[in-house]
PDB file of N, CA and C in Angstrom:
ATOM      1  N   UNK A   1      25.543  -2.659  -9.041  1.00  0.00           N
ATOM      2  CA  UNK A   1      25.345  -3.182  -7.704  1.00  0.00           C
ATOM      3  C   UNK A   1      26.222  -4.408  -7.522  1.00  0.00           C
ATOM      4  N   UNK A   2      26.778  -4.519  -6.347  1.00  0.00           N
ATOM      5  CA  UNK A   2      27.633  -5.652  -6.029  1.00  0.00           C
ATOM      6  C   UNK A   2      26.746  -6.823  -5.592  1.00  0.00           C
ATOM      7  N   UNK A   3      26.669  -7.875  -6.411  1.00  0.00           N
ATOM      8  CA  UNK A   3      25.832  -9.026  -6.087  1.00  0.00           C
ATOM      9  C   UNK A   3      26.569 -10.039  -5.217  1.00  0.00           C
ATOM     10  N   UNK A   4      27.835  -9.832  -4.950  1.00  0.00           N
ATOM     11  CA  UNK A   4      28.614 -10.728  -4.105  1.00  0.00           C
ATOM     12  C   UNK A   4      28.741 -10.153  -2.705  1.00  0.00           C
ATOM     13  N   UNK A   5      27.620  -9.690  -2.152  1.00  0.00           N
ATOM     14  CA  UNK A   5      27.622  -9.084  -0.828  1.00  0.00           C
ATOM     15  C   UNK A   5      26.892 -10.031   0.121  1.00  0.00           C
ATOM     16  N   UNK A   6      27.394 -10.160   1.319  1.00  0.00           N
ATOM     17  CA  UNK A   6      26.759 -11.056   2.285  1.00  0.00           C
ATOM     18  C   UNK A   6      25.484 -10.408   2.834  1.00  0.00           C
ATOM     19  N   UNK A   7      24.634 -11.254   3.386  1.00  0.00           N
ATOM     20  CA  UNK A   7      23.399 -10.756   3.975  1.00  0.00           C
ATOM     21  C   UNK A   7      23.700  -9.758   5.095  1.00  0.00           C
ATOM     22  N   UNK A   8      24.711 -10.050   5.906  1.00  0.00           N
ATOM     23  CA  UNK A   8      25.069  -9.164   7.015  1.00  0.00           C
ATOM     24  C   UNK A   8      25.526  -7.799   6.491  1.00  0.00           C
ATOM     25  N   UNK A   9      26.344  -7.802   5.425  1.00  0.00           N
ATOM     26  CA  UNK A   9      26.799  -6.532   4.859  1.00  0.00           C
ATOM     27  C   UNK A   9      25.637  -5.761   4.251  1.00  0.00           C
ATOM     28  N   UNK A  10      24.731  -6.472   3.576  1.00  0.00           N
ATOM     29  CA  UNK A  10      23.572  -5.813   2.980  1.00  0.00           C
ATOM     30  C   UNK A  10      22.691  -5.207   4.071  1.00  0.00           C
ATOM     31  N   UNK A  11      22.530  -5.935   5.175  1.00  0.00           N
ATOM     32  CA  UNK A  11      21.748  -5.440   6.293  1.00  0.00           C
ATOM     33  C   UNK A  11      22.400  -4.198   6.905  1.00  0.00           C
ATOM     34  N   UNK A  12      23.710  -4.241   7.086  1.00  0.00           N
ATOM     35  CA  UNK A  12      24.433  -3.102   7.654  1.00  0.00           C
ATOM     36  C   UNK A  12      24.299  -1.870   6.765  1.00  0.00           C
ATOM     37  N   UNK A  13      24.455  -2.055   5.458  1.00  0.00           N
ATOM     38  CA  UNK A  13      24.327  -0.930   4.527  1.00  0.00           C
ATOM     39  C   UNK A  13      22.912  -0.358   4.544  1.00  0.00           C
ATOM     40  N   UNK A  14      21.916  -1.239   4.628  1.00  0.00           N
ATOM     41  CA  UNK A  14      20.532  -0.778   4.700  1.00  0.00           C
ATOM     42  C   UNK A  14      20.268   0.025   5.954  1.00  0.00           C
ATOM     43  N   UNK A  15      20.802  -0.426   7.068  1.00  0.00           N
ATOM     44  CA  UNK A  15      20.629   0.303   8.328  1.00  0.00           C
ATOM     45  C   UNK A  15      21.327   1.663   8.282  1.00  0.00           C
ATOM     46  N   UNK A  16      22.486   1.724   7.634  1.00  0.00           N
ATOM     47  CA  UNK A  16      23.178   3.004   7.484  1.00  0.00           C
ATOM     48  C   UNK A  16      22.341   3.971   6.665  1.00  0.00           C
ATOM     49  N   UNK A  17      21.735   3.473   5.587  1.00  0.00           N
ATOM     50  CA  UNK A  17      20.885   4.324   4.755  1.00  0.00           C
ATOM     51  C   UNK A  17      19.674   4.817   5.545  1.00  0.00           C
ATOM     52  N   UNK A  18      19.052   3.930   6.308  1.00  0.00           N
ATOM     53  CA  UNK A  18      17.895   4.326   7.104  1.00  0.00           C
ATOM     54  C   UNK A  18      18.260   5.358   8.162  1.00  0.00           C
ATOM     55  N   UNK A  19      19.445   5.230   8.742  1.00  0.00           N
ATOM     56  CA  UNK A  19      19.838   6.171   9.799  1.00  0.00           C
ATOM     57  C   UNK A  19      20.064   7.579   9.252  1.00  0.00           C
ATOM     58  N   UNK A  20      20.289   7.700   7.962  1.00  0.00           N
ATOM     59  CA  UNK A  20      20.508   9.013   7.346  1.00  0.00           C
ATOM     60  C   UNK A  20      19.194   9.718   7.013  1.00  0.00           C
ATOM     61  N   UNK A  21      18.087   8.989   7.014  1.00  0.00           N
ATOM     62  CA  UNK A  21      16.803   9.586   6.677  1.00  0.00           C
ATOM     63  C   UNK A  21      16.208  10.277   7.884  1.00  0.00           C
ATOM     64  N   UNK A  22      15.536  11.404   7.659  1.00  0.00           N
ATOM     65  CA  UNK A  22      14.892  12.083   8.783  1.00  0.00           C
ATOM     66  C   UNK A  22      13.688  11.268   9.269  1.00  0.00           C
ATOM     67  N   UNK A  23      13.363  11.347  10.556  1.00  0.00           N
ATOM     68  CA  UNK A  23      12.202  10.618  11.067  1.00  0.00           C
ATOM     69  C   UNK A  23      10.906  11.208  10.503  1.00  0.00           C
ATOM     70  N   UNK A  24       9.873  10.358  10.386  1.00  0.00           N
ATOM     71  CA  UNK A  24       8.578  10.820   9.913  1.00  0.00           C
ATOM     72  C   UNK A  24       7.515  10.426  10.927  1.00  0.00           C
ATOM     73  N   UNK A  25       6.376  11.103  10.843  1.00  0.00           N
ATOM     74  CA  UNK A  25       5.270  10.803  11.749  1.00  0.00           C
ATOM     75  C   UNK A  25       4.466   9.632  11.200  1.00  0.00           C
ATOM     76  N   UNK A  26       3.615   9.071  12.045  1.00  0.00           N
ATOM     77  CA  UNK A  26       2.751   7.976  11.624  1.00  0.00           C
ATOM     78  C   UNK A  26       1.833   8.443  10.495  1.00  0.00           C
ATOM     79  N   UNK A  27       1.346   9.656  10.578  1.00  0.00           N
ATOM     80  CA  UNK A  27       0.467  10.193   9.533  1.00  0.00           C
ATOM     81  C   UNK A  27       1.212  10.287   8.196  1.00  0.00           C
ATOM     82  N   UNK A  28       2.451  10.735   8.222  1.00  0.00           N
ATOM     83  CA  UNK A  28       3.247  10.798   6.992  1.00  0.00           C
ATOM     84  C   UNK A  28       3.472   9.399   6.424  1.00  0.00           C
ATOM     85  N   UNK A  29       3.736   8.426   7.279  1.00  0.00           N
ATOM     86  CA  UNK A  29       3.942   7.050   6.830  1.00  0.00           C
ATOM     87  C   UNK A  29       2.669   6.498   6.191  1.00  0.00           C
ATOM     88  N   UNK A  30       1.531   6.805   6.776  1.00  0.00           N
ATOM     89  CA  UNK A  30       0.257   6.344   6.201  1.00  0.00           C
ATOM     90  C   UNK A  30       0.007   6.976   4.836  1.00  0.00           C
ATOM     91  N   UNK A  31       0.334   8.261   4.701  1.00  0.00           N
ATOM     92  CA  UNK A  31       0.169   8.927   3.411  1.00  0.00           C
ATOM     93  C   UNK A  31       1.089   8.307   2.357  1.00  0.00           C
ATOM     94  N   UNK A  32       2.312   7.990   2.755  1.00  0.00           N
ATOM     95  CA  UNK A  32       3.242   7.345   1.821  1.00  0.00           C
ATOM     96  C   UNK A  32       2.721   5.974   1.407  1.00  0.00           C
ATOM     97  N   UNK A  33       2.213   5.205   2.366  1.00  0.00           N
ATOM     98  CA  UNK A  33       1.690   3.870   2.061  1.00  0.00           C
ATOM     99  C   UNK A  33       0.486   3.972   1.124  1.00  0.00           C
ATOM    100  N   UNK A  34      -0.395   4.935   1.357  1.00  0.00           N
ATOM    101  CA  UNK A  34      -1.550   5.130   0.495  1.00  0.00           C
ATOM    102  C   UNK A  34      -1.108   5.513  -0.913  1.00  0.00           C
ATOM    103  N   UNK A  35      -0.127   6.402  -1.008  1.00  0.00           N
ATOM    104  CA  UNK A  35       0.375   6.812  -2.321  1.00  0.00           C
ATOM    105  C   UNK A  35       0.965   5.614  -3.072  1.00  0.00           C
ATOM    106  N   UNK A  36       1.740   4.795  -2.380  1.00  0.00           N
ATOM    107  CA  UNK A  36       2.328   3.599  -3.014  1.00  0.00           C
ATOM    108  C   UNK A  36       1.226   2.656  -3.474  1.00  0.00           C
ATOM    109  N   UNK A  37       0.216   2.454  -2.633  1.00  0.00           N
ATOM    110  CA  UNK A  37      -0.883   1.563  -2.983  1.00  0.00           C
ATOM    111  C   UNK A  37      -1.621   2.077  -4.222  1.00  0.00           C
ATOM    112  N   UNK A  38      -1.879   3.379  -4.272  1.00  0.00           N
ATOM    113  CA  UNK A  38      -2.607   3.945  -5.399  1.00  0.00           C
ATOM    114  C   UNK A  38      -1.784   3.903  -6.683  1.00  0.00           C
ATOM    115  N   UNK A  39      -0.515   4.244  -6.610  1.00  0.00           N
ATOM    116  CA  UNK A  39       0.295   4.267  -7.819  1.00  0.00           C
ATOM    117  C   UNK A  39       0.618   2.866  -8.305  1.00  0.00           C
ATOM    118  N   UNK A  40       0.785   1.906  -7.405  1.00  0.00           N
ATOM    119  CA  UNK A  40       1.070   0.546  -7.839  1.00  0.00           C
ATOM    120  C   UNK A  40      -0.189  -0.112  -8.390  1.00  0.00           C
ATOM    121  N   UNK A  41      -1.351   0.303  -7.910  1.00  0.00           N
ATOM    122  CA  UNK A  41      -2.606  -0.243  -8.432  1.00  0.00           C
ATOM    123  C   UNK A  41      -2.783   0.139  -9.896  1.00  0.00           C
ATOM    124  N   UNK A  42      -2.370   1.335 -10.255  1.00  0.00           N
ATOM    125  CA  UNK A  42      -2.463   1.777 -11.647  1.00  0.00           C
ATOM    126  C   UNK A  42      -1.534   0.972 -12.542  1.00  0.00           C
ATOM    127  N   UNK A  43      -0.459   0.459 -11.964  1.00  0.00           N
ATOM    128  CA  UNK A  43       0.499  -0.315 -12.746  1.00  0.00           C
ATOM    129  C   UNK A  43       0.093  -1.784 -12.816  1.00  0.00           C
ATOM    130  N   UNK A  44      -1.004  -2.147 -12.145  1.00  0.00           N
ATOM    131  CA  UNK A  44      -1.474  -3.524 -12.200  1.00  0.00           C
ATOM    132  C   UNK A  44      -0.873  -4.441 -11.156  1.00  0.00           C
ATOM    133  N   UNK A  45      -0.221  -3.881 -10.138  1.00  0.00           N
ATOM    134  CA  UNK A  45       0.365  -4.735  -9.098  1.00  0.00           C
ATOM    135  C   UNK A  45      -0.029  -4.187  -7.728  1.00  0.00           C
ATOM    136  N   UNK A  46      -1.296  -4.345  -7.394  1.00  0.00           N
ATOM    137  CA  UNK A  46      -1.822  -3.807  -6.140  1.00  0.00           C
ATOM    138  C   UNK A  46      -1.185  -4.501  -4.943  1.00  0.00           C
ATOM    139  N   UNK A  47      -0.892  -3.713  -3.932  1.00  0.00           N
ATOM    140  CA  UNK A  47      -0.310  -4.237  -2.696  1.00  0.00           C
ATOM    141  C   UNK A  47      -1.399  -4.355  -1.640  1.00  0.00           C
ATOM    142  N   UNK A  48      -1.501  -5.462  -0.942  1.00  0.00           N
ATOM    143  CA  UNK A  48      -2.501  -5.588   0.114  1.00  0.00           C
ATOM    144  C   UNK A  48      -2.010  -4.925   1.402  1.00  0.00           C
ATOM    145  N   UNK A  49      -2.270  -3.634   1.553  1.00  0.00           N
ATOM    146  CA  UNK A  49      -1.841  -2.900   2.751  1.00  0.00           C
ATOM    147  C   UNK A  49      -2.977  -2.881   3.756  1.00  0.00           C
ATOM    148  N   UNK A  50      -2.653  -3.162   5.014  1.00  0.00           N
ATOM    149  CA  UNK A  50      -3.663  -3.160   6.073  1.00  0.00           C
ATOM    150  C   UNK A  50      -3.154  -2.321   7.235  1.00  0.00           C
ATOM    151  N   UNK A  51      -4.059  -1.523   7.801  1.00  0.00           N
ATOM    152  CA  UNK A  51      -3.718  -0.722   8.975  1.00  0.00           C
ATOM    153  C   UNK A  51      -4.697  -1.023  10.078  1.00  0.00           C
TER     154      UNK A  51
END
């Protein structure tokens, strides 16, 4: 990874990556968030997710 990248370039690259992903529904996003919360809890680093 290039650590000499500006914040603007990093933001632009992130937006490009996001634009390539297919859209998801709110229900799919909630399922993903629940899965992340459950799997990270097993690793000892629970995330405080609120909906």
